[in-house]
Amino acid sequence: MADTAKNTLPTNVGELQRRVSSLEDQDISLRVENLSLRNEIKMLREERRLWFLEKYGPKSEKLSEDQLNLFQGEPSVHQQEIENEAELPEEEKSPKVPTKGKKRPGRTLLPDHLPRVEEIIPCDADQCSCARCGEEKAVIGYDTSEQLDVEPAKYFVKVTKREKRSCSKCPGKGISSAPLPPRILPKGKFSDRVILDIVLGKYRDHLPLHRQQGILLAEAGIEVSRSTLCNQITQVGSLCQSINAAMKKELFSTGYVQADETPVGLQSKETKGRNALGWFWEYSHPKGPVLFEFKKSRGREGPLKYLEGYKGLLQSDGYAGYNKLSEKDIIRIGCMAHVRRKFEAARKLAPEDPHPREILKIISKLYALEKQWREHGLTSEARQEQRALHSQPIMDELKAKFIATRKRVLPASALGKACDYGMNQWIHVENYVKHGQVEIDNNWCENAIRPIAIGRKNWLHIGSREAGERIAPIISIIETCRRMGINVRNYFADVLPGLGERPQSDLANLTPAA
């Protein structure tokens, strides 16, 4: 074999050099291809792990690849198993031992505003007499305990009888009748309290109408069609639209608006057999009104039309739908939380990589400053001064870190994409430092939009575009009241009865803020 190999070698030195050069080229080509495949495998593993984390939840961050693979091969795995598996190694390493003398929290007292209904339990007959002398024992006090109790909802028919009077000396003339009190829906068969139960049950407590229908039947024996319940909601939504118009003026007058959007299923004739996609757009102020608008698409026409005439600050994520807004009227503010999430995802995918941790550490300095100033109750002017002194140098450090990290990583990796997102949004994100009245992120807006995400898991979809347009004002008022600490049931009970008869000039005085 060795003799044969020797015989195949060329005797010409030039030919020998050419063959060696060709082998070197092949080796370089294989090395490049190998590196490319390694990078592709790394990115695919990142995407695969991210998919696992999204599927199995936050607890799965503690699981190894082998553990995740085992769960993937078990189709019936449930969330509790994931959590148990995630916590198991820590428990084995350091079992929890009860600490002697550890101070435990006391029992929470029941609220003082609840009425107290007393129930006195007398002693038994044999306890009322003294066992020694037979004398009757006197009551010297009570051993008292408290429990939270409830009376099940009691449904009844409210009969309204208006007094009628007439003059005995003028028969057929001078008849008068007591006026009807204002109601939310004057000609409806439901009282105001029942209507508010239906509306708040669905959009505050996320109870679909078919469940409310079942509760009425099971607990009170009342059979009501779902279409009747739906009709009550749409009529309330129509009333709330006028209040929303006044709330929009309040919002624009603040000069600072946060915006976000979320999808929701929409029944449509255009997509038979499946739901179409509708969108709730939110526009709000961190300490003021929260307004929702329903649109059939996520197109830029939505914010362009809604924010027409608005002049001030607009804070949002990096969605391109806001890019066409007039720069001379609107100053864009980015969201640091969205930037942070990209690096948090990169950290989860590559826990051993120090670069995302370093960037997250820099961002945490900015949030620590914001927390400190918030606790000290700084005014907008003072916060702007402090940001210029302390936050701006950290922002400069963060930008330099983005640029340096981006040069070291693959463009298609999670960390590379996070750096690209941060740099693309930098001009907007950095703007928060220059305006003391704005927040560092858009989290106030996202918190107000979260109930819609919870609701759509329960009621699944919206029946039509028209229904979405009537639902939006209801959710706007519920979330505004929640943000401002107002009891929404009391607000609706005060404002909605007779609202349709009020002049437009009164509406500005009827918003939750007013």
Protein backbone atom coordinates (compact mmCIF):
# COMPACT_ATOMS: atom_id res chain seq x y z
CA MET A 1 0.00 0.00 0.00
CA ALA A 2 2.80 2.41 0.92
CA ASP A 3 4.65 1.57 -2.34
CA THR A 4 1.45 2.23 -4.34
CA ALA A 5 0.93 5.63 -2.63
CA LYS A 6 4.53 6.54 -3.36
CA ASN A 7 4.13 5.60 -7.02
CA THR A 8 1.08 7.93 -7.34
CA LEU A 9 3.01 10.97 -6.11
CA PRO A 10 4.15 13.19 -8.97
CA THR A 11 7.90 13.45 -9.58
CA ASN A 12 7.50 17.01 -10.81
CA VAL A 13 8.06 19.51 -7.95
CA GLY A 14 5.63 22.06 -9.46
CA GLU A 15 2.86 19.47 -9.69
CA LEU A 16 3.53 18.40 -6.11
CA GLN A 17 3.26 22.01 -4.88
CA ARG A 18 0.01 22.44 -6.83
CA ARG A 19 -1.51 19.36 -5.14
CA VAL A 20 -0.42 20.53 -1.68
CA SER A 21 -1.93 23.97 -2.35
CA SER A 22 -5.18 22.34 -3.50
CA LEU A 23 -5.37 20.27 -0.29
CA GLU A 24 -4.78 23.40 1.80
CA ASP A 25 -7.61 25.19 -0.02
CA GLN A 26 -9.91 22.24 0.63
CA ASP A 27 -8.90 22.26 4.31
CA ILE A 28 -9.69 26.00 4.61
CA SER A 29 -13.02 25.49 2.85
CA LEU A 30 -13.91 22.65 5.24
CA ARG A 31 -12.90 24.77 8.23
CA VAL A 32 -15.13 27.65 7.06
CA GLU A 33 -18.02 25.29 6.43
CA ASN A 34 -17.48 23.65 9.84
CA LEU A 35 -17.52 27.06 11.57
CA SER A 36 -20.69 28.04 9.70
CA LEU A 37 -22.40 24.80 10.71
CA ARG A 38 -21.32 25.26 14.34
CA ASN A 39 -22.81 28.75 14.37
CA GLU A 40 -26.02 27.48 12.80
CA ILE A 41 -26.26 24.69 15.38
CA LYS A 42 -25.72 27.22 18.18
CA MET A 43 -28.52 29.47 16.87
CA LEU A 44 -30.88 26.52 16.44
CA ARG A 45 -30.15 25.41 20.00
CA GLU A 46 -30.91 28.94 21.21
CA GLU A 47 -34.22 28.99 19.35
CA ARG A 48 -35.05 25.50 20.65
CA ARG A 49 -34.30 26.43 24.29
CA LEU A 50 -36.31 29.65 23.94
CA TRP A 51 -39.22 27.60 22.66
CA PHE A 52 -38.91 25.28 25.69
CA LEU A 53 -38.87 28.27 28.08
CA GLU A 54 -41.95 29.78 26.44
CA LYS A 55 -43.76 26.43 26.51
CA TYR A 56 -42.96 25.35 30.06
CA GLY A 57 -42.81 28.77 31.77
CA PRO A 58 -40.30 30.63 33.99
CA LYS A 59 -39.59 27.64 36.24
CA SER A 60 -38.03 25.78 33.30
CA GLU A 61 -35.07 28.20 33.34
CA LYS A 62 -33.65 26.04 36.16
CA LEU A 63 -33.84 22.83 34.07
CA SER A 64 -31.00 21.39 32.02
CA GLU A 65 -31.28 20.42 28.36
CA ASP A 66 -31.58 16.75 29.33
CA GLN A 67 -34.48 17.49 31.70
CA LEU A 68 -36.26 19.56 29.07
CA ASN A 69 -35.81 16.78 26.52
CA LEU A 70 -37.39 14.30 28.92
CA PHE A 71 -40.43 16.53 29.38
CA GLN A 72 -40.70 16.99 25.63
CA GLY A 73 -41.02 13.22 25.22
CA GLU A 74 -43.88 13.13 27.75
CA PRO A 75 -47.00 14.59 26.08
CA SER A 76 -49.12 14.51 29.27
CA VAL A 77 -46.72 16.58 31.38
CA HIS A 78 -48.41 19.37 33.37
CA GLN A 79 -47.16 22.60 34.94
CA GLN A 80 -46.90 21.25 38.49
CA GLU A 81 -44.46 18.55 37.34
CA ILE A 82 -42.29 21.24 35.73
CA GLU A 83 -42.24 23.25 38.96
CA ASN A 84 -41.51 20.18 41.11
CA GLU A 85 -38.63 19.13 38.86
CA ALA A 86 -37.21 22.67 38.83
CA GLU A 87 -37.21 22.89 42.62
CA LEU A 88 -36.01 19.34 43.33
CA PRO A 89 -32.20 19.78 42.99
CA GLU A 90 -32.14 22.76 45.35
CA GLU A 91 -34.15 20.86 47.94
CA GLU A 92 -31.72 17.95 47.78
CA LYS A 93 -28.70 20.21 48.19
CA SER A 94 -30.08 22.34 50.99
CA PRO A 95 -33.23 20.93 52.64
CA LYS A 96 -35.33 23.51 54.44
CA VAL A 97 -35.18 23.10 58.20
CA PRO A 98 -37.67 25.00 60.36
CA THR A 99 -35.89 27.70 62.36
CA LYS A 100 -36.65 27.70 66.09
CA GLY A 101 -38.06 30.92 67.38
CA LYS A 102 -38.69 32.31 63.90
CA LYS A 103 -41.17 35.15 63.99
CA ARG A 104 -44.28 34.28 62.01
CA PRO A 105 -46.73 36.84 60.63
CA GLY A 106 -49.83 37.35 62.73
CA ARG A 107 -53.38 36.69 61.59
CA THR A 108 -54.70 39.43 59.32
CA LEU A 109 -57.56 41.37 60.90
CA LEU A 110 -60.84 41.63 59.02
CA PRO A 111 -61.57 45.13 57.62
CA ASP A 112 -63.24 47.62 59.96
CA HIS A 113 -65.63 48.89 57.28
CA LEU A 114 -67.50 45.57 57.16
CA PRO A 115 -70.65 45.48 59.34
CA ARG A 116 -70.55 43.15 62.34
CA VAL A 117 -73.52 40.79 62.73
CA GLU A 118 -73.39 39.24 66.20
CA GLU A 119 -74.46 35.72 67.05
CA ILE A 120 -74.65 34.97 70.79
CA ILE A 121 -74.28 31.31 71.73
CA PRO A 122 -75.69 30.63 75.25
CA CYS A 123 -74.23 28.07 77.61
CA ASP A 124 -75.93 24.69 77.89
CA ALA A 125 -78.51 24.30 80.69
CA ASP A 126 -76.15 22.21 82.87
CA GLN A 127 -73.51 24.95 82.57
CA CYS A 128 -75.85 27.69 83.87
CA SER A 129 -75.84 26.41 87.48
CA CYS A 130 -72.95 26.11 89.87
CA ALA A 131 -71.93 22.46 90.41
CA ARG A 132 -71.07 23.19 94.08
CA CYS A 133 -73.99 25.26 95.46
CA GLY A 134 -76.55 25.06 92.69
CA GLU A 135 -76.73 28.88 92.36
CA GLU A 136 -77.43 30.25 88.85
CA LYS A 137 -74.26 31.57 87.22
CA ALA A 138 -74.18 35.22 86.04
CA VAL A 139 -73.02 36.25 82.57
CA ILE A 140 -69.61 37.89 83.06
CA GLY A 141 -68.56 38.34 79.40
CA TYR A 142 -68.03 36.62 76.08
CA ASP A 143 -65.24 34.75 74.29
CA THR A 144 -65.29 36.55 70.94
CA SER A 145 -64.06 35.39 67.51
CA GLU A 146 -64.61 36.76 64.01
CA GLN A 147 -65.07 35.02 60.66
CA LEU A 148 -65.70 36.50 57.24
CA ASP A 149 -69.22 35.51 56.17
CA VAL A 150 -71.36 36.07 53.08
CA GLU A 151 -75.00 36.10 52.09
CA PRO A 152 -75.57 34.51 48.67
CA ALA A 153 -76.95 36.91 46.05
CA LYS A 154 -80.69 37.24 46.42
CA TYR A 155 -82.66 37.97 43.27
CA PHE A 156 -86.11 39.47 43.46
CA VAL A 157 -88.54 41.39 41.28
CA LYS A 158 -88.51 45.08 42.06
CA VAL A 159 -92.01 46.52 41.60
CA THR A 160 -92.02 50.28 41.11
CA LYS A 161 -95.36 51.92 41.90
CA ARG A 162 -95.55 55.63 41.14
CA GLU A 163 -98.10 57.53 43.12
CA LYS A 164 -100.88 59.19 41.10
CA ARG A 165 -102.97 62.05 42.40
CA SER A 166 -106.02 63.90 41.09
CA CYS A 167 -108.20 66.75 42.25
CA SER A 168 -111.66 65.68 43.51
CA LYS A 169 -113.15 69.00 42.41
CA CYS A 170 -111.73 68.76 38.85
CA PRO A 171 -112.54 65.24 37.64
CA GLY A 172 -110.41 64.14 34.66
CA LYS A 173 -108.11 67.12 35.05
CA GLY A 174 -105.18 68.00 37.25
CA ILE A 175 -103.90 64.38 37.41
CA SER A 176 -100.24 64.17 38.43
CA SER A 177 -97.89 61.20 38.74
CA ALA A 178 -94.54 60.83 40.52
CA PRO A 179 -91.57 61.00 38.09
CA LEU A 180 -89.57 57.89 37.34
CA PRO A 181 -86.05 57.89 38.83
CA PRO A 182 -83.30 57.87 36.16
CA ARG A 183 -82.11 54.42 35.10
CA ILE A 184 -79.22 53.12 33.02
CA LEU A 185 -81.55 51.50 30.47
CA PRO A 186 -85.01 53.05 31.07
CA LYS A 187 -87.07 50.50 29.11
CA GLY A 188 -85.15 47.38 30.07
CA LYS A 189 -86.38 44.62 32.34
CA PHE A 190 -83.14 44.57 34.37
CA SER A 191 -82.42 46.95 37.23
CA ASP A 192 -79.22 49.04 37.31
CA ARG A 193 -77.59 46.67 39.80
CA VAL A 194 -78.23 43.62 37.62
CA ILE A 195 -76.88 45.43 34.54
CA LEU A 196 -73.71 46.40 36.39
CA ASP A 197 -73.30 42.80 37.59
CA ILE A 198 -73.39 41.63 33.97
CA VAL A 199 -70.96 44.29 32.68
CA LEU A 200 -68.45 44.02 35.52
CA GLY A 201 -68.76 40.24 35.58
CA LYS A 202 -67.50 40.08 32.02
CA TYR A 203 -64.97 42.91 31.72
CA ARG A 204 -63.65 43.21 35.27
CA ASP A 205 -63.97 39.61 36.48
CA HIS A 206 -63.59 37.97 33.02
CA LEU A 207 -66.75 35.83 33.25
CA PRO A 208 -68.09 34.97 29.78
CA LEU A 209 -71.83 35.47 29.28
CA HIS A 210 -72.53 31.76 29.00
CA ARG A 211 -71.09 31.29 32.52
CA GLN A 212 -73.15 34.17 33.88
CA GLN A 213 -76.17 32.64 32.18
CA GLY A 214 -75.42 29.31 33.91
CA ILE A 215 -74.94 30.97 37.32
CA LEU A 216 -78.32 32.72 37.09
CA LEU A 217 -80.00 29.43 36.23
CA ALA A 218 -78.18 27.33 38.84
CA GLU A 219 -78.36 29.73 41.80
CA ALA A 220 -81.63 31.56 41.21
CA GLY A 221 -83.57 29.47 38.70
CA ILE A 222 -83.66 32.45 36.29
CA GLU A 223 -83.48 31.60 32.60
CA VAL A 224 -82.12 34.47 30.48
CA SER A 225 -80.98 34.22 26.87
CA ARG A 226 -77.38 35.07 26.07
CA SER A 227 -78.46 37.56 23.42
CA THR A 228 -80.39 39.49 26.10
CA LEU A 229 -77.28 39.71 28.28
CA CYS A 230 -75.22 40.77 25.26
CA ASN A 231 -77.75 43.47 24.42
CA GLN A 232 -77.38 45.00 27.90
CA ILE A 233 -73.61 45.27 27.43
CA THR A 234 -73.78 46.89 23.98
CA GLN A 235 -76.25 49.51 25.22
CA VAL A 236 -73.99 50.34 28.19
CA GLY A 237 -71.05 50.55 25.78
CA SER A 238 -72.94 53.08 23.64
CA LEU A 239 -73.52 55.25 26.73
CA CYS A 240 -69.85 55.05 27.72
CA GLN A 241 -68.67 56.29 24.31
CA SER A 242 -69.66 59.87 25.19
CA ILE A 243 -67.62 59.72 28.43
CA ASN A 244 -64.65 58.33 26.50
CA ALA A 245 -64.68 61.37 24.22
CA ALA A 246 -64.30 63.61 27.29
CA MET A 247 -61.58 61.34 28.70
CA LYS A 248 -59.64 61.62 25.44
CA LYS A 249 -59.51 65.41 25.80
CA GLU A 250 -58.23 64.95 29.36
CA LEU A 251 -55.54 62.55 28.16
CA PHE A 252 -54.30 64.83 25.36
CA SER A 253 -54.18 67.80 27.74
CA THR A 254 -51.53 66.01 29.86
CA GLY A 255 -48.98 66.20 27.02
CA TYR A 256 -47.74 62.68 27.79
CA VAL A 257 -49.28 59.53 26.31
CA GLN A 258 -48.16 55.90 26.53
CA ALA A 259 -49.34 53.56 23.75
CA ASP A 260 -49.50 49.81 23.21
CA GLU A 261 -51.67 47.28 21.39
CA THR A 262 -52.81 43.67 21.85
CA PRO A 263 -54.62 41.18 19.58
CA VAL A 264 -58.00 39.59 20.24
CA GLY A 265 -60.08 37.02 18.34
CA LEU A 266 -62.81 38.49 16.15
CA GLN A 267 -65.75 36.68 14.56
CA SER A 268 -65.96 37.71 10.94
CA LYS A 269 -67.82 36.60 7.81
CA GLU A 270 -64.58 37.03 5.90
CA THR A 271 -62.92 34.12 7.75
CA LYS A 272 -65.46 31.29 7.96
CA GLY A 273 -64.59 28.45 10.31
CA ARG A 274 -62.02 30.43 12.28
CA ASN A 275 -61.59 33.74 14.04
CA ALA A 276 -60.08 36.76 12.39
CA LEU A 277 -57.72 39.01 14.35
CA GLY A 278 -58.79 42.30 15.87
CA TRP A 279 -56.72 44.73 17.92
CA PHE A 280 -57.25 46.76 21.07
CA TRP A 281 -55.07 49.89 21.03
CA GLU A 282 -54.38 51.51 24.39
CA TYR A 283 -53.52 55.16 24.96
CA SER A 284 -52.98 56.20 28.58
CA HIS A 285 -51.20 58.37 31.12
CA PRO A 286 -49.39 56.67 34.04
CA LYS A 287 -51.45 58.60 36.61
CA GLY A 288 -54.50 59.46 34.55
CA PRO A 289 -56.96 58.23 31.93
CA VAL A 290 -56.70 54.84 30.21
CA LEU A 291 -58.41 54.68 26.82
CA PHE A 292 -58.91 51.74 24.48
CA GLU A 293 -59.84 51.79 20.82
CA PHE A 294 -60.83 48.72 18.80
CA LYS A 295 -59.50 48.26 15.26
CA LYS A 296 -59.69 45.39 12.80
CA SER A 297 -55.98 45.69 11.98
CA ARG A 298 -52.63 46.64 13.45
CA GLY A 299 -51.98 49.11 10.64
CA ARG A 300 -50.43 52.50 11.24
CA GLU A 301 -53.72 54.16 10.31
CA GLY A 302 -54.97 53.39 13.85
CA PRO A 303 -52.53 55.56 15.84
CA LEU A 304 -52.31 58.14 13.03
CA LYS A 305 -56.04 58.80 13.19
CA TYR A 306 -56.45 58.52 16.98
CA LEU A 307 -53.53 60.84 17.75
CA GLU A 308 -54.46 63.37 15.10
CA GLY A 309 -54.13 66.84 16.63
CA TYR A 310 -52.15 65.61 19.64
CA LYS A 311 -48.97 67.51 20.52
CA GLY A 312 -46.62 66.19 23.16
CA LEU A 313 -44.70 63.08 24.25
CA LEU A 314 -45.55 59.57 23.06
CA GLN A 315 -43.97 56.52 24.71
CA SER A 316 -44.21 53.12 23.05
CA ASP A 317 -42.29 50.02 22.08
CA GLY A 318 -40.41 49.72 18.79
CA TYR A 319 -43.45 48.91 16.64
CA ALA A 320 -43.04 50.63 13.25
CA GLY A 321 -46.71 51.68 13.17
CA TYR A 322 -45.81 54.75 15.25
CA ASN A 323 -42.99 55.87 12.96
CA LYS A 324 -45.17 57.97 10.64
CA LEU A 325 -46.39 60.26 13.40
CA SER A 326 -45.47 63.89 12.87
CA GLU A 327 -42.07 64.59 14.43
CA LYS A 328 -42.77 68.29 14.78
CA ASP A 329 -45.84 67.63 16.98
CA ILE A 330 -44.90 64.41 18.76
CA ILE A 331 -41.66 63.50 20.54
CA ARG A 332 -41.13 59.74 20.64
CA ILE A 333 -39.95 58.08 23.85
CA GLY A 334 -38.73 54.48 23.80
CA CYS A 335 -39.23 51.71 26.35
CA MET A 336 -36.25 50.45 28.36
CA ALA A 337 -38.22 47.39 29.52
CA HIS A 338 -38.45 46.12 25.92
CA VAL A 339 -34.70 46.57 25.50
CA ARG A 340 -34.07 44.75 28.77
CA ARG A 341 -36.30 41.81 27.81
CA LYS A 342 -34.22 41.08 24.71
CA PHE A 343 -31.07 40.71 26.83
CA GLU A 344 -32.93 38.75 29.48
CA ALA A 345 -33.95 36.28 26.76
CA ALA A 346 -30.33 36.08 25.59
CA ARG A 347 -29.22 35.41 29.18
CA LYS A 348 -31.72 32.57 29.54
CA LEU A 349 -30.52 30.99 26.30
CA ALA A 350 -26.83 31.20 27.21
CA PRO A 351 -26.52 31.33 31.03
CA GLU A 352 -22.74 30.90 30.81
CA ASP A 353 -22.23 33.95 28.55
CA PRO A 354 -21.14 36.98 30.66
CA HIS A 355 -22.08 39.65 28.07
CA PRO A 356 -25.88 39.72 28.56
CA ARG A 357 -25.39 39.68 32.34
CA GLU A 358 -23.06 42.69 32.14
CA ILE A 359 -25.58 44.64 30.05
CA LEU A 360 -28.44 43.72 32.41
CA LYS A 361 -26.33 44.92 35.33
CA ILE A 362 -25.89 48.35 33.68
CA ILE A 363 -29.65 48.60 32.99
CA SER A 364 -30.39 47.67 36.61
CA LYS A 365 -28.42 50.76 37.73
CA LEU A 366 -30.87 52.95 35.80
CA TYR A 367 -33.86 51.25 37.43
CA ALA A 368 -32.29 51.54 40.88
CA LEU A 369 -32.00 55.31 40.42
CA GLU A 370 -35.63 55.57 39.25
CA LYS A 371 -36.80 53.60 42.29
CA GLN A 372 -34.81 55.84 44.63
CA TRP A 373 -36.22 59.06 43.13
CA ARG A 374 -39.75 57.64 43.16
CA GLU A 375 -39.48 56.78 46.85
CA HIS A 376 -38.25 60.32 47.58
CA GLY A 377 -41.20 61.80 45.67
CA LEU A 378 -39.11 63.93 43.31
CA THR A 379 -40.95 66.40 41.08
CA SER A 380 -40.64 66.15 37.29
CA GLU A 381 -38.18 69.06 37.25
CA ALA A 382 -36.00 67.55 39.98
CA ARG A 383 -36.06 64.12 38.33
CA GLN A 384 -34.96 65.63 35.02
CA GLU A 385 -31.98 67.30 36.74
CA GLN A 386 -31.01 64.08 38.48
CA ARG A 387 -31.26 62.09 35.26
CA ALA A 388 -28.93 64.51 33.51
CA LEU A 389 -26.39 64.14 36.34
CA HIS A 390 -26.63 60.40 37.06
CA SER A 391 -28.59 58.55 34.35
CA GLN A 392 -26.94 60.06 31.27
CA PRO A 393 -23.43 58.73 32.10
CA ILE A 394 -24.90 55.26 32.61
CA MET A 395 -26.74 55.53 29.28
CA ASP A 396 -23.43 56.43 27.58
CA GLU A 397 -21.84 53.37 29.19
CA LEU A 398 -24.75 51.21 28.01
CA LYS A 399 -24.48 52.41 24.42
CA ALA A 400 -20.73 51.71 24.35
CA LYS A 401 -21.43 48.22 25.71
CA PHE A 402 -24.00 47.58 22.97
CA ILE A 403 -21.49 48.51 20.26
CA ALA A 404 -18.62 46.48 21.77
CA THR A 405 -20.81 43.39 22.34
CA ARG A 406 -22.31 43.57 18.86
CA LYS A 407 -18.82 43.24 17.32
CA ARG A 408 -18.16 40.01 19.23
CA VAL A 409 -21.35 38.05 18.53
CA LEU A 410 -23.18 36.56 15.58
CA PRO A 411 -25.77 38.89 14.03
CA ALA A 412 -28.44 36.17 14.02
CA SER A 413 -27.87 35.13 17.66
CA ALA A 414 -30.25 36.22 20.39
CA LEU A 415 -27.58 38.52 21.85
CA GLY A 416 -26.81 40.00 18.42
CA LYS A 417 -30.50 40.69 17.81
CA ALA A 418 -30.82 42.25 21.27
CA CYS A 419 -27.92 44.62 20.53
CA ASP A 420 -29.44 45.52 17.16
CA TYR A 421 -32.80 46.26 18.77
CA GLY A 422 -31.19 48.42 21.44
CA MET A 423 -29.22 50.44 18.90
CA ASN A 424 -32.18 50.81 16.52
CA GLN A 425 -34.32 52.16 19.37
CA TRP A 426 -31.57 54.19 21.02
CA ILE A 427 -32.63 57.61 19.75
CA HIS A 428 -36.08 57.08 21.32
CA VAL A 429 -34.97 55.20 24.46
CA GLU A 430 -32.44 57.89 25.39
CA ASN A 431 -35.14 60.57 25.21
CA TYR A 432 -36.53 59.60 28.63
CA VAL A 433 -33.50 61.23 30.25
CA LYS A 434 -34.45 64.63 28.76
CA HIS A 435 -38.04 64.65 30.06
CA GLY A 436 -38.62 64.39 33.80
CA GLN A 437 -42.35 63.70 33.54
CA VAL A 438 -41.97 60.46 31.56
CA GLU A 439 -41.26 57.00 32.92
CA ILE A 440 -38.23 54.91 32.02
CA ASP A 441 -40.47 52.29 30.38
CA ASN A 442 -43.95 51.57 29.10
CA ASN A 443 -44.92 49.21 31.93
CA TRP A 444 -47.84 51.32 33.19
CA CYS A 445 -49.43 50.91 29.77
CA GLU A 446 -48.74 47.18 29.63
CA ASN A 447 -50.20 46.64 33.11
CA ALA A 448 -53.47 48.26 32.01
CA ILE A 449 -53.63 46.12 28.87
CA ARG A 450 -53.04 42.86 30.77
CA PRO A 451 -56.70 42.37 31.82
CA ILE A 452 -57.63 42.11 28.13
CA ALA A 453 -55.12 39.28 27.76
CA ILE A 454 -56.71 37.54 30.77
CA GLY A 455 -60.22 38.21 29.48
CA ARG A 456 -59.68 36.84 25.98
CA LYS A 457 -58.60 33.49 27.46
CA ASN A 458 -62.09 33.28 28.97
CA TRP A 459 -64.44 34.87 26.45
CA LEU A 460 -62.22 33.79 23.50
CA HIS A 461 -63.40 36.33 20.92
CA ILE A 462 -65.49 39.39 20.11
CA GLY A 463 -68.68 38.90 18.15
CA SER A 464 -68.20 41.71 15.60
CA ARG A 465 -66.38 44.94 14.84
CA GLU A 466 -69.35 46.93 16.15
CA ALA A 467 -69.24 44.98 19.41
CA GLY A 468 -65.52 45.73 19.77
CA GLU A 469 -66.18 49.44 19.35
CA ARG A 470 -68.74 49.36 22.18
CA ILE A 471 -66.65 47.16 24.45
CA ALA A 472 -63.60 49.45 24.29
CA PRO A 473 -65.25 52.38 26.19
CA ILE A 474 -66.39 50.02 28.98
CA ILE A 475 -62.88 48.61 29.46
CA SER A 476 -61.47 52.15 29.29
CA ILE A 477 -63.57 53.29 32.26
CA ILE A 478 -62.92 50.09 34.26
CA GLU A 479 -59.14 50.40 33.85
CA THR A 480 -59.15 54.17 34.50
CA CYS A 481 -61.05 53.61 37.76
CA ARG A 482 -58.67 50.82 38.71
CA ARG A 483 -55.65 53.08 38.09
CA MET A 484 -57.13 56.00 40.02
CA GLY A 485 -58.35 53.92 42.97
CA ILE A 486 -62.06 54.54 42.27
CA ASN A 487 -64.73 51.93 42.99
CA VAL A 488 -65.93 51.26 39.45
CA ARG A 489 -69.33 49.90 40.50
CA ASN A 490 -70.06 53.07 42.47
CA TYR A 491 -68.82 55.20 39.57
CA PHE A 492 -71.10 53.50 37.03
CA ALA A 493 -74.06 53.64 39.47
CA ASP A 494 -73.53 57.41 39.89
CA VAL A 495 -72.89 58.36 36.27
CA LEU A 496 -74.77 56.00 33.94
CA PRO A 497 -78.41 56.48 35.08
CA GLY A 498 -79.90 59.22 32.94
CA LEU A 499 -76.62 59.77 31.06
CA GLY A 500 -78.36 59.74 27.70
CA GLU A 501 -80.45 62.76 28.72
CA ARG A 502 -77.53 64.91 29.87
CA PRO A 503 -76.21 67.74 27.67
CA GLN A 504 -72.76 67.39 26.07
CA SER A 505 -71.43 70.22 28.24
CA ASP A 506 -71.90 68.04 31.38
CA LEU A 507 -69.69 65.18 30.16
CA ALA A 508 -66.38 66.83 31.09
CA ASN A 509 -67.53 66.76 34.72
CA LEU A 510 -68.48 63.07 34.65
CA THR A 511 -65.14 61.41 33.84
CA PRO A 512 -63.43 59.33 36.58
CA ALA A 513 -60.74 62.03 36.94
CA ALA A 514 -63.34 64.79 37.27
